[in-house]
PDB file of all heavy atoms in Angstrom:
ATOM      1  N   ILE A   1     -11.466   8.460 -12.862  1.00  0.00           N
ATOM      2  CA  ILE A   1     -12.267   8.694 -14.109  1.00  0.00           C
ATOM      3  C   ILE A   1     -13.122   9.922 -13.871  1.00  0.00           C
ATOM      4  O   ILE A   1     -13.949   9.944 -12.899  1.00  0.00           O
ATOM      5  CB  ILE A   1     -13.091   7.516 -14.442  1.00  0.00           C
ATOM      6  CG1 ILE A   1     -12.397   6.232 -14.532  1.00  0.00           C
ATOM      7  CG2 ILE A   1     -13.875   7.772 -15.848  1.00  0.00           C
ATOM      8  CD1 ILE A   1     -11.286   6.192 -15.555  1.00  0.00           C
ATOM      9  N   PHE A   2     -12.937  10.927 -14.763  1.00  0.00           N
ATOM     10  CA  PHE A   2     -13.752  12.166 -14.720  1.00  0.00           C
ATOM     11  C   PHE A   2     -14.707  12.171 -15.860  1.00  0.00           C
ATOM     12  O   PHE A   2     -14.433  11.553 -16.993  1.00  0.00           O
ATOM     13  CB  PHE A   2     -12.843  13.403 -14.869  1.00  0.00           C
ATOM     14  CG  PHE A   2     -12.047  13.581 -13.550  1.00  0.00           C
ATOM     15  CD1 PHE A   2     -10.695  13.183 -13.617  1.00  0.00           C
ATOM     16  CD2 PHE A   2     -12.426  14.339 -12.436  1.00  0.00           C
ATOM     17  CE1 PHE A   2      -9.861  13.356 -12.418  1.00  0.00           C
ATOM     18  CE2 PHE A   2     -11.729  14.481 -11.373  1.00  0.00           C
ATOM     19  CZ  PHE A   2     -10.391  13.952 -11.321  1.00  0.00           C
ATOM     20  N   THR A   3     -15.883  12.827 -15.696  1.00  0.00           N
ATOM     21  CA  THR A   3     -16.827  12.990 -16.781  1.00  0.00           C
ATOM     22  C   THR A   3     -17.192  14.486 -16.942  1.00  0.00           C
ATOM     23  O   THR A   3     -16.831  15.294 -16.226  1.00  0.00           O
ATOM     24  CB  THR A   3     -18.079  12.159 -16.505  1.00  0.00           C
ATOM     25  OG1 THR A   3     -18.710  12.784 -15.271  1.00  0.00           O
ATOM     26  CG2 THR A   3     -17.762  10.733 -16.210  1.00  0.00           C
ATOM     27  N   GLU A   4     -17.999  14.638 -17.999  1.00  0.00           N
ATOM     28  CA  GLU A   4     -18.494  16.037 -18.345  1.00  0.00           C
ATOM     29  C   GLU A   4     -19.220  16.684 -17.125  1.00  0.00           C
ATOM     30  O   GLU A   4     -19.336  17.789 -16.918  1.00  0.00           O
ATOM     31  CB  GLU A   4     -19.358  16.024 -19.555  1.00  0.00           C
ATOM     32  CG  GLU A   4     -18.444  15.915 -20.768  1.00  0.00           C
ATOM     33  CD  GLU A   4     -19.289  15.900 -22.031  1.00  0.00           C
ATOM     34  OE1 GLU A   4     -20.455  16.275 -21.897  1.00  0.00           O
ATOM     35  OE2 GLU A   4     -18.808  15.664 -23.193  1.00  0.00           O
ATOM     36  N   ASN A   5     -19.912  15.751 -16.360  1.00  0.00           N
ATOM     37  CA  ASN A   5     -20.679  16.259 -15.192  1.00  0.00           C
ATOM     38  C   ASN A   5     -19.840  16.464 -13.968  1.00  0.00           C
ATOM     39  O   ASN A   5     -20.309  16.824 -12.923  1.00  0.00           O
ATOM     40  CB  ASN A   5     -21.788  15.181 -14.744  1.00  0.00           C
ATOM     41  CG  ASN A   5     -22.789  15.034 -15.898  1.00  0.00           C
ATOM     42  OD1 ASN A   5     -22.960  15.890 -16.795  1.00  0.00           O
ATOM     43  ND2 ASN A   5     -23.384  13.944 -15.974  1.00  0.00           N
ATOM     44  N   LYS A   6     -18.524  16.360 -14.221  1.00  0.00           N
ATOM     45  CA  LYS A   6     -17.531  16.495 -13.168  1.00  0.00           C
ATOM     46  C   LYS A   6     -17.650  15.578 -11.942  1.00  0.00           C
ATOM     47  O   LYS A   6     -17.131  15.961 -10.847  1.00  0.00           O
ATOM     48  CB  LYS A   6     -17.500  18.001 -12.630  1.00  0.00           C
ATOM     49  CG  LYS A   6     -16.960  18.951 -13.747  1.00  0.00           C
ATOM     50  CD  LYS A   6     -16.962  20.438 -13.242  1.00  0.00           C
ATOM     51  CE  LYS A   6     -16.415  21.341 -14.313  1.00  0.00           C
ATOM     52  NZ  LYS A   6     -16.355  22.772 -13.931  1.00  0.00           N
ATOM     53  N   LEU A   7     -18.464  14.490 -12.236  1.00  0.00           N
ATOM     54  CA  LEU A   7     -18.365  13.450 -11.238  1.00  0.00           C
ATOM     55  C   LEU A   7     -17.199  12.525 -11.372  1.00  0.00           C
ATOM     56  O   LEU A   7     -16.778  12.341 -12.565  1.00  0.00           O
ATOM     57  CB  LEU A   7     -19.761  12.620 -11.355  1.00  0.00           C
ATOM     58  CG  LEU A   7     -20.952  13.322 -10.906  1.00  0.00           C
ATOM     59  CD1 LEU A   7     -22.160  12.559 -11.393  1.00  0.00           C
ATOM     60  CD2 LEU A   7     -21.119  13.530  -9.421  1.00  0.00           C
ATOM     61  N   SER A   8     -16.653  12.034 -10.430  1.00  0.00           N
ATOM     62  CA  SER A   8     -15.449  11.168 -10.560  1.00  0.00           C
ATOM     63  C   SER A   8     -15.682   9.939  -9.774  1.00  0.00           C
ATOM     64  O   SER A   8     -16.339   9.865  -8.697  1.00  0.00           O
ATOM     65  CB  SER A   8     -14.237  11.904 -10.080  1.00  0.00           C
ATOM     66  OG  SER A   8     -14.082  12.064  -8.753  1.00  0.00           O
ATOM     67  N   CYS A   9     -14.949   8.995 -10.212  1.00  0.00           N
ATOM     68  CA  CYS A   9     -14.908   7.633  -9.358  1.00  0.00           C
ATOM     69  C   CYS A   9     -13.607   6.978  -9.693  1.00  0.00           C
ATOM     70  O   CYS A   9     -12.876   7.380 -10.608  1.00  0.00           O
ATOM     71  CB  CYS A   9     -16.024   6.765  -9.599  1.00  0.00           C
ATOM     72  SG  CYS A   9     -16.022   6.015 -11.328  1.00  0.00           S
ATOM     73  N   LEU A  10     -13.262   6.009  -8.861  1.00  0.00           N
ATOM     74  CA  LEU A  10     -11.981   5.248  -9.066  1.00  0.00           C
ATOM     75  C   LEU A  10     -12.327   3.915  -9.506  1.00  0.00           C
ATOM     76  O   LEU A  10     -13.213   3.149  -9.054  1.00  0.00           O
ATOM     77  CB  LEU A  10     -11.275   5.140  -7.802  1.00  0.00           C
ATOM     78  CG  LEU A  10     -10.818   6.575  -7.178  1.00  0.00           C
ATOM     79  CD1 LEU A  10     -10.236   6.387  -5.726  1.00  0.00           C
ATOM     80  CD2 LEU A  10      -9.601   7.148  -8.101  1.00  0.00           C
ATOM     81  N   VAL A  11     -11.538   3.338 -10.492  1.00  0.00           N
ATOM     82  CA  VAL A  11     -11.806   2.075 -11.068  1.00  0.00           C
ATOM     83  C   VAL A  11     -10.477   1.294 -11.201  1.00  0.00           C
ATOM     84  O   VAL A  11      -9.410   1.830 -11.267  1.00  0.00           O
ATOM     85  CB  VAL A  11     -12.462   2.071 -12.430  1.00  0.00           C
ATOM     86  CG1 VAL A  11     -13.782   2.723 -12.412  1.00  0.00           C
ATOM     87  CG2 VAL A  11     -11.533   2.795 -13.471  1.00  0.00           C
ATOM     88  N   VAL A  12     -10.738  -0.049 -11.104  1.00  0.00           N
ATOM     89  CA  VAL A  12      -9.488  -0.966 -11.245  1.00  0.00           C
ATOM     90  C   VAL A  12      -9.838  -2.340 -11.824  1.00  0.00           C
ATOM     91  O   VAL A  12     -10.982  -2.853 -11.628  1.00  0.00           O
ATOM     92  CB  VAL A  12      -8.773  -1.215  -9.773  1.00  0.00           C
ATOM     93  CG1 VAL A  12      -9.552  -2.111  -8.977  1.00  0.00           C
ATOM     94  CG2 VAL A  12      -7.348  -1.740 -10.000  1.00  0.00           C
ATOM     95  N   ASN A  13      -8.979  -2.925 -12.582  1.00  0.00           N
ATOM     96  CA  ASN A  13      -9.164  -4.158 -13.278  1.00  0.00           C
ATOM     97  C   ASN A  13      -8.616  -5.227 -12.273  1.00  0.00           C
ATOM     98  O   ASN A  13      -7.495  -5.228 -11.920  1.00  0.00           O
ATOM     99  CB  ASN A  13      -8.270  -4.151 -14.596  1.00  0.00           C
ATOM    100  CG  ASN A  13      -8.521  -5.490 -15.332  1.00  0.00           C
ATOM    101  OD1 ASN A  13      -9.074  -6.498 -14.831  1.00  0.00           O
ATOM    102  ND2 ASN A  13      -8.122  -5.604 -16.557  1.00  0.00           N
ATOM    103  N   MET A  14      -9.457  -6.164 -11.839  1.00  0.00           N
ATOM    104  CA  MET A  14      -9.069  -7.155 -10.823  1.00  0.00           C
ATOM    105  C   MET A  14      -8.792  -8.560 -11.466  1.00  0.00           C
ATOM    106  O   MET A  14      -8.614  -9.468 -10.714  1.00  0.00           O
ATOM    107  CB  MET A  14     -10.325  -7.288  -9.757  1.00  0.00           C
ATOM    108  CG  MET A  14     -10.497  -6.037  -9.037  1.00  0.00           C
ATOM    109  SD  MET A  14     -12.087  -6.141  -8.025  1.00  0.00           S
ATOM    110  CE  MET A  14     -11.822  -7.664  -7.039  1.00  0.00           C
ATOM    111  N   SER A  15      -8.828  -8.637 -12.802  1.00  0.00           N
ATOM    112  CA  SER A  15      -8.745  -9.912 -13.477  1.00  0.00           C
ATOM    113  C   SER A  15      -7.331 -10.534 -13.383  1.00  0.00           C
ATOM    114  O   SER A  15      -7.255 -11.817 -13.446  1.00  0.00           O
ATOM    115  CB  SER A  15      -9.201  -9.712 -14.963  1.00  0.00           C
ATOM    116  OG  SER A  15      -8.328  -8.922 -15.650  1.00  0.00           O
ATOM    117  N   ASN A  16      -6.313  -9.774 -13.167  1.00  0.00           N
ATOM    118  CA  ASN A  16      -5.005 -10.169 -13.162  1.00  0.00           C
ATOM    119  C   ASN A  16      -4.290  -9.494 -11.947  1.00  0.00           C
ATOM    120  O   ASN A  16      -3.317  -8.646 -12.165  1.00  0.00           O
ATOM    121  CB  ASN A  16      -4.293  -9.942 -14.491  1.00  0.00           C
ATOM    122  CG  ASN A  16      -3.017 -10.687 -14.462  1.00  0.00           C
ATOM    123  OD1 ASN A  16      -2.737 -11.666 -13.847  1.00  0.00           O
ATOM    124  ND2 ASN A  16      -1.991 -10.089 -15.210  1.00  0.00           N
ATOM    125  N   PRO A  17      -4.625  -9.730 -10.692  1.00  0.00           N
ATOM    126  CA  PRO A  17      -4.115  -9.071  -9.577  1.00  0.00           C
ATOM    127  C   PRO A  17      -2.586  -9.377  -9.327  1.00  0.00           C
ATOM    128  O   PRO A  17      -2.117 -10.499  -9.464  1.00  0.00           O
ATOM    129  CB  PRO A  17      -4.845  -9.434  -8.383  1.00  0.00           C
ATOM    130  CG  PRO A  17      -5.379 -10.799  -8.707  1.00  0.00           C
ATOM    131  CD  PRO A  17      -5.611 -10.835 -10.260  1.00  0.00           C
ATOM    132  N   TYR A  18      -1.872  -8.382  -8.813  1.00  0.00           N
ATOM    133  CA  TYR A  18      -0.507  -8.543  -8.318  1.00  0.00           C
ATOM    134  C   TYR A  18      -0.478  -8.374  -6.806  1.00  0.00           C
ATOM    135  O   TYR A  18      -1.129  -7.588  -6.194  1.00  0.00           O
ATOM    136  CB  TYR A  18       0.412  -7.500  -8.954  1.00  0.00           C
ATOM    137  CG  TYR A  18       0.469  -7.594 -10.411  1.00  0.00           C
ATOM    138  CD1 TYR A  18      -0.504  -7.014 -11.283  1.00  0.00           C
ATOM    139  CD2 TYR A  18       1.475  -8.483 -11.097  1.00  0.00           C
ATOM    140  CE1 TYR A  18      -0.419  -7.116 -12.712  1.00  0.00           C
ATOM    141  CE2 TYR A  18       1.415  -8.585 -12.475  1.00  0.00           C
ATOM    142  CZ  TYR A  18       0.635  -8.061 -13.189  1.00  0.00           C
ATOM    143  OH  TYR A  18       0.623  -8.144 -14.571  1.00  0.00           O
ATOM    144  N   ILE A  19       0.354  -9.242  -6.159  1.00  0.00           N
ATOM    145  CA  ILE A  19       0.324  -9.385  -4.746  1.00  0.00           C
ATOM    146  C   ILE A  19       1.634  -8.676  -4.224  1.00  0.00           C
ATOM    147  O   ILE A  19       2.749  -9.091  -4.585  1.00  0.00           O
ATOM    148  CB  ILE A  19       0.184 -10.831  -4.115  1.00  0.00           C
ATOM    149  CG1 ILE A  19      -0.972 -11.456  -4.782  1.00  0.00           C
ATOM    150  CG2 ILE A  19       0.172 -10.907  -2.614  1.00  0.00           C
ATOM    151  CD1 ILE A  19      -2.359 -10.987  -4.479  1.00  0.00           C
ATOM    152  N   LEU A  20       1.529  -7.801  -3.196  1.00  0.00           N
ATOM    153  CA  LEU A  20       2.674  -7.282  -2.481  1.00  0.00           C
ATOM    154  C   LEU A  20       2.456  -7.630  -1.052  1.00  0.00           C
ATOM    155  O   LEU A  20       1.448  -7.147  -0.358  1.00  0.00           O
ATOM    156  CB  LEU A  20       2.566  -5.777  -2.719  1.00  0.00           C
ATOM    157  CG  LEU A  20       3.669  -4.956  -2.082  1.00  0.00           C
ATOM    158  CD1 LEU A  20       5.118  -5.478  -2.625  1.00  0.00           C
ATOM    159  CD2 LEU A  20       3.640  -3.441  -2.254  1.00  0.00           C
ATOM    160  N   ASN A  21       3.420  -8.374  -0.426  1.00  0.00           N
ATOM    161  CA  ASN A  21       3.347  -8.692   0.971  1.00  0.00           C
ATOM    162  C   ASN A  21       4.148  -7.662   1.805  1.00  0.00           C
ATOM    163  O   ASN A  21       5.310  -7.585   1.634  1.00  0.00           O
ATOM    164  CB  ASN A  21       3.951 -10.177   1.231  1.00  0.00           C
ATOM    165  CG  ASN A  21       2.904 -11.197   0.978  1.00  0.00           C
ATOM    166  OD1 ASN A  21       1.741 -11.040   1.199  1.00  0.00           O
ATOM    167  ND2 ASN A  21       3.330 -12.251   0.180  1.00  0.00           N
ATOM    168  N   LEU A  22       3.434  -7.017   2.698  1.00  0.00           N
ATOM    169  CA  LEU A  22       4.083  -5.949   3.480  1.00  0.00           C
ATOM    170  C   LEU A  22       4.662  -6.516   4.811  1.00  0.00           C
ATOM    171  O   LEU A  22       4.055  -6.470   5.789  1.00  0.00           O
ATOM    172  CB  LEU A  22       3.128  -4.756   3.779  1.00  0.00           C
ATOM    173  CG  LEU A  22       2.389  -4.166   2.562  1.00  0.00           C
ATOM    174  CD1 LEU A  22       1.442  -3.050   3.068  1.00  0.00           C
ATOM    175  CD2 LEU A  22       3.383  -3.586   1.663  1.00  0.00           C
ATOM    176  N   ASP A  23       5.695  -7.254   4.552  1.00  0.00           N
ATOM    177  CA  ASP A  23       6.191  -8.200   5.716  1.00  0.00           C
ATOM    178  C   ASP A  23       7.623  -7.871   6.188  1.00  0.00           C
ATOM    179  O   ASP A  23       8.158  -8.848   6.716  1.00  0.00           O
ATOM    180  CB  ASP A  23       5.893  -9.678   5.451  1.00  0.00           C
ATOM    181  CG  ASP A  23       6.728 -10.040   4.115  1.00  0.00           C
ATOM    182  OD1 ASP A  23       7.270  -9.211   3.493  1.00  0.00           O
ATOM    183  OD2 ASP A  23       6.677 -11.277   3.836  1.00  0.00           O
ATOM    184  N   LEU A  24       8.089  -6.787   5.803  1.00  0.00           N
ATOM    185  CA  LEU A  24       9.534  -6.511   6.134  1.00  0.00           C
ATOM    186  C   LEU A  24       9.753  -6.560   7.758  1.00  0.00           C
ATOM    187  O   LEU A  24      10.880  -6.960   8.213  1.00  0.00           O
ATOM    188  CB  LEU A  24      10.036  -5.229   5.655  1.00  0.00           C
ATOM    189  CG  LEU A  24      11.505  -4.974   5.605  1.00  0.00           C
ATOM    190  CD1 LEU A  24      12.190  -6.044   4.724  1.00  0.00           C
ATOM    191  CD2 LEU A  24      11.939  -3.547   5.110  1.00  0.00           C
ATOM    192  N   GLU A  25       8.669  -6.330   8.491  1.00  0.00           N
ATOM    193  CA  GLU A  25       8.828  -6.334   9.912  1.00  0.00           C
ATOM    194  C   GLU A  25       9.235  -7.746  10.434  1.00  0.00           C
ATOM    195  O   GLU A  25       9.742  -7.884  11.591  1.00  0.00           O
ATOM    196  CB  GLU A  25       7.475  -5.977  10.713  1.00  0.00           C
ATOM    197  CG  GLU A  25       7.131  -4.517  10.597  1.00  0.00           C
ATOM    198  CD  GLU A  25       6.246  -4.202   9.364  1.00  0.00           C
ATOM    199  OE1 GLU A  25       6.348  -5.103   8.366  1.00  0.00           O
ATOM    200  OE2 GLU A  25       5.605  -3.204   9.342  1.00  0.00           O
ATOM    201  N   ASN A  26       8.924  -8.757   9.602  1.00  0.00           N
ATOM    202  CA  ASN A  26       9.359 -10.112  10.018  1.00  0.00           C
ATOM    203  C   ASN A  26      10.795 -10.348  10.163  1.00  0.00           C
ATOM    204  O   ASN A  26      11.334 -11.154  10.980  1.00  0.00           O
ATOM    205  CB  ASN A  26       8.818 -11.151   9.031  1.00  0.00           C
ATOM    206  CG  ASN A  26       7.353 -11.090   8.940  1.00  0.00           C
ATOM    207  OD1 ASN A  26       6.646 -10.556   9.676  1.00  0.00           O
ATOM    208  ND2 ASN A  26       6.886 -11.861   7.907  1.00  0.00           N
ATOM    209  N   ILE A  27      11.551  -9.567   9.358  1.00  0.00           N
ATOM    210  CA  ILE A  27      13.093  -9.680   9.232  1.00  0.00           C
ATOM    211  C   ILE A  27      13.656  -8.717  10.336  1.00  0.00           C
ATOM    212  O   ILE A  27      14.691  -9.137  10.972  1.00  0.00           O
ATOM    213  CB  ILE A  27      13.464  -9.290   7.867  1.00  0.00           C
ATOM    214  CG1 ILE A  27      12.966 -10.190   6.857  1.00  0.00           C
ATOM    215  CG2 ILE A  27      15.083  -9.385   7.822  1.00  0.00           C
ATOM    216  CD1 ILE A  27      13.017  -9.834   5.410  1.00  0.00           C
ATOM    217  N   LEU A  28      13.058  -7.592  10.632  1.00  0.00           N
ATOM    218  CA  LEU A  28      13.673  -6.666  11.537  1.00  0.00           C
ATOM    219  C   LEU A  28      13.505  -7.184  13.025  1.00  0.00           C
ATOM    220  O   LEU A  28      12.504  -7.864  13.360  1.00  0.00           O
ATOM    221  CB  LEU A  28      12.949  -5.365  11.468  1.00  0.00           C
ATOM    222  CG  LEU A  28      13.045  -4.543  10.194  1.00  0.00           C
ATOM    223  CD1 LEU A  28      12.204  -3.342  10.308  1.00  0.00           C
ATOM    224  CD2 LEU A  28      14.520  -4.030  10.056  1.00  0.00           C
ATOM    225  N   LYS A  29      14.595  -6.938  13.763  1.00  0.00           N
ATOM    226  CA  LYS A  29      14.628  -7.378  15.152  1.00  0.00           C
ATOM    227  C   LYS A  29      14.750  -6.072  16.078  1.00  0.00           C
ATOM    228  O   LYS A  29      15.106  -5.005  15.582  1.00  0.00           O
ATOM    229  CB  LYS A  29      15.786  -8.295  15.430  1.00  0.00           C
ATOM    230  CG  LYS A  29      15.617  -9.648  14.784  1.00  0.00           C
ATOM    231  CD  LYS A  29      16.720 -10.542  15.102  1.00  0.00           C
ATOM    232  CE  LYS A  29      16.564 -11.890  14.394  1.00  0.00           C
ATOM    233  NZ  LYS A  29      17.677 -12.819  14.539  1.00  0.00           N
ATOM    234  N   GLU A  30      14.469  -6.280  17.316  1.00  0.00           N
ATOM    235  CA  GLU A  30      14.512  -5.107  18.222  1.00  0.00           C
ATOM    236  C   GLU A  30      15.983  -4.754  18.424  1.00  0.00           C
ATOM    237  O   GLU A  30      16.936  -5.647  18.336  1.00  0.00           O
ATOM    238  CB  GLU A  30      14.101  -5.587  19.624  1.00  0.00           C
ATOM    239  CG  GLU A  30      12.545  -5.853  19.598  1.00  0.00           C
ATOM    240  CD  GLU A  30      11.570  -4.655  19.219  1.00  0.00           C
ATOM    241  OE1 GLU A  30      12.156  -3.467  19.170  1.00  0.00           O
ATOM    242  OE2 GLU A  30      10.474  -4.757  19.123  1.00  0.00           O
ATOM    243  N   PRO A  31      16.428  -3.461  18.611  1.00  0.00           N
ATOM    244  CA  PRO A  31      15.543  -2.307  18.801  1.00  0.00           C
ATOM    245  C   PRO A  31      15.035  -1.749  17.469  1.00  0.00           C
ATOM    246  O   PRO A  31      14.329  -0.775  17.539  1.00  0.00           O
ATOM    247  CB  PRO A  31      16.390  -1.400  19.628  1.00  0.00           C
ATOM    248  CG  PRO A  31      17.863  -1.634  19.043  1.00  0.00           C
ATOM    249  CD  PRO A  31      17.860  -3.167  18.752  1.00  0.00           C
ATOM    250  N   PHE A  32      15.465  -2.200  16.377  1.00  0.00           N
ATOM    251  CA  PHE A  32      15.162  -1.516  15.055  1.00  0.00           C
ATOM    252  C   PHE A  32      13.678  -1.646  14.786  1.00  0.00           C
ATOM    253  O   PHE A  32      13.068  -0.867  14.238  1.00  0.00           O
ATOM    254  CB  PHE A  32      15.975  -2.189  13.922  1.00  0.00           C
ATOM    255  CG  PHE A  32      17.383  -2.254  14.110  1.00  0.00           C
ATOM    256  CD1 PHE A  32      18.028  -3.395  14.338  1.00  0.00           C
ATOM    257  CD2 PHE A  32      18.120  -1.061  14.102  1.00  0.00           C
ATOM    258  CE1 PHE A  32      19.367  -3.395  14.636  1.00  0.00           C
ATOM    259  CE2 PHE A  32      19.484  -1.037  14.335  1.00  0.00           C
ATOM    260  CZ  PHE A  32      20.134  -2.290  14.621  1.00  0.00           C
ATOM    261  N   LYS A  33      13.075  -2.799  15.213  1.00  0.00           N
ATOM    262  CA  LYS A  33      11.640  -3.009  14.955  1.00  0.00           C
ATOM    263  C   LYS A  33      10.703  -1.963  15.537  1.00  0.00           C
ATOM    264  O   LYS A  33       9.572  -1.634  15.032  1.00  0.00           O
ATOM    265  CB  LYS A  33      11.180  -4.396  15.490  1.00  0.00           C
ATOM    266  CG  LYS A  33       9.971  -4.978  14.718  1.00  0.00           C
ATOM    267  CD  LYS A  33       9.820  -6.446  15.341  1.00  0.00           C
ATOM    268  CE  LYS A  33       8.611  -7.092  14.570  1.00  0.00           C
ATOM    269  NZ  LYS A  33       8.521  -8.492  14.891  1.00  0.00           N
ATOM    270  N   SER A  34      11.114  -1.341  16.711  1.00  0.00           N
ATOM    271  CA  SER A  34      10.327  -0.374  17.446  1.00  0.00           C
ATOM    272  C   SER A  34      10.717   1.022  17.125  1.00  0.00           C
ATOM    273  O   SER A  34      10.211   2.020  17.638  1.00  0.00           O
ATOM    274  CB  SER A  34      10.322  -0.642  18.932  1.00  0.00           C
ATOM    275  OG  SER A  34       9.858  -1.947  19.181  1.00  0.00           O
ATOM    276  N   ASN A  35      11.818   1.148  16.394  1.00  0.00           N
ATOM    277  CA  ASN A  35      12.402   2.454  16.139  1.00  0.00           C
ATOM    278  C   ASN A  35      11.470   3.351  15.194  1.00  0.00           C
ATOM    279  O   ASN A  35      11.213   2.953  14.021  1.00  0.00           O
ATOM    280  CB  ASN A  35      13.826   2.357  15.494  1.00  0.00           C
ATOM    281  CG  ASN A  35      14.539   3.705  15.446  1.00  0.00           C
ATOM    282  OD1 ASN A  35      13.984   4.614  14.840  1.00  0.00           O
ATOM    283  ND2 ASN A  35      15.731   3.806  15.975  1.00  0.00           N
ATOM    284  N   LEU A  36      11.026   4.460  15.675  1.00  0.00           N
ATOM    285  CA  LEU A  36      10.060   5.378  14.881  1.00  0.00           C
ATOM    286  C   LEU A  36      10.530   5.770  13.586  1.00  0.00           C
ATOM    287  O   LEU A  36       9.814   5.846  12.512  1.00  0.00           O
ATOM    288  CB  LEU A  36       9.586   6.585  15.807  1.00  0.00           C
ATOM    289  CG  LEU A  36       8.482   6.255  16.786  1.00  0.00           C
ATOM    290  CD1 LEU A  36       8.298   7.475  17.652  1.00  0.00           C
ATOM    291  CD2 LEU A  36       7.252   5.769  16.201  1.00  0.00           C
ATOM    292  N   LYS A  37      11.904   6.219  13.504  1.00  0.00           N
ATOM    293  CA  LYS A  37      12.513   6.594  12.226  1.00  0.00           C
ATOM    294  C   LYS A  37      12.510   5.490  11.301  1.00  0.00           C
ATOM    295  O   LYS A  37      12.288   5.725  10.097  1.00  0.00           O
ATOM    296  CB  LYS A  37      13.965   7.103  12.460  1.00  0.00           C
ATOM    297  CG  LYS A  37      14.085   8.435  13.303  1.00  0.00           C
ATOM    298  CD  LYS A  37      15.506   8.933  13.400  1.00  0.00           C
ATOM    299  CE  LYS A  37      15.666  10.239  13.934  1.00  0.00           C
ATOM    300  NZ  LYS A  37      17.004  10.646  14.150  1.00  0.00           N
ATOM    301  N   ILE A  38      12.852   4.286  11.667  1.00  0.00           N
ATOM    302  CA  ILE A  38      12.826   3.103  10.828  1.00  0.00           C
ATOM    303  C   ILE A  38      11.429   2.838  10.335  1.00  0.00           C
ATOM    304  O   ILE A  38      11.194   2.694   9.108  1.00  0.00           O
ATOM    305  CB  ILE A  38      13.520   1.939  11.327  1.00  0.00           C
ATOM    306  CG1 ILE A  38      15.023   2.101  11.538  1.00  0.00           C
ATOM    307  CG2 ILE A  38      13.191   0.630  10.616  1.00  0.00           C
ATOM    308  CD1 ILE A  38      15.691   1.099  12.384  1.00  0.00           C
ATOM    309  N   LYS A  39      10.425   2.950  11.162  1.00  0.00           N
ATOM    310  CA  LYS A  39       8.998   2.738  10.858  1.00  0.00           C
ATOM    311  C   LYS A  39       8.516   3.727   9.915  1.00  0.00           C
ATOM    312  O   LYS A  39       7.909   3.304   8.841  1.00  0.00           O
ATOM    313  CB  LYS A  39       8.117   2.773  12.137  1.00  0.00           C
ATOM    314  CG  LYS A  39       8.089   1.573  13.021  1.00  0.00           C
ATOM    315  CD  LYS A  39       7.161   1.754  14.219  1.00  0.00           C
ATOM    316  CE  LYS A  39       7.029   0.449  14.965  1.00  0.00           C
ATOM    317  NZ  LYS A  39       6.003   0.487  16.000  1.00  0.00           N
ATOM    318  N   ASN A  40       8.845   4.944  10.065  1.00  0.00           N
ATOM    319  CA  ASN A  40       8.437   5.994   9.149  1.00  0.00           C
ATOM    320  C   ASN A  40       9.103   5.886   7.720  1.00  0.00           C
ATOM    321  O   ASN A  40       8.537   6.046   6.715  1.00  0.00           O
ATOM    322  CB  ASN A  40       8.742   7.445   9.642  1.00  0.00           C
ATOM    323  CG  ASN A  40       7.847   7.820  10.832  1.00  0.00           C
ATOM    324  OD1 ASN A  40       6.737   7.209  10.903  1.00  0.00           O
ATOM    325  ND2 ASN A  40       8.233   8.661  11.735  1.00  0.00           N
TER     326      ASN A  40
END
């Protein structure tokens, strides 16, 4: 959010949150789990 004073801040509505589980590593097995290209 920008204002006339050029101050800015970030805002978010938390009343109805959406959940994202970053858990793909659970499925990956070695050697893919430690592979830097796959991680990136």
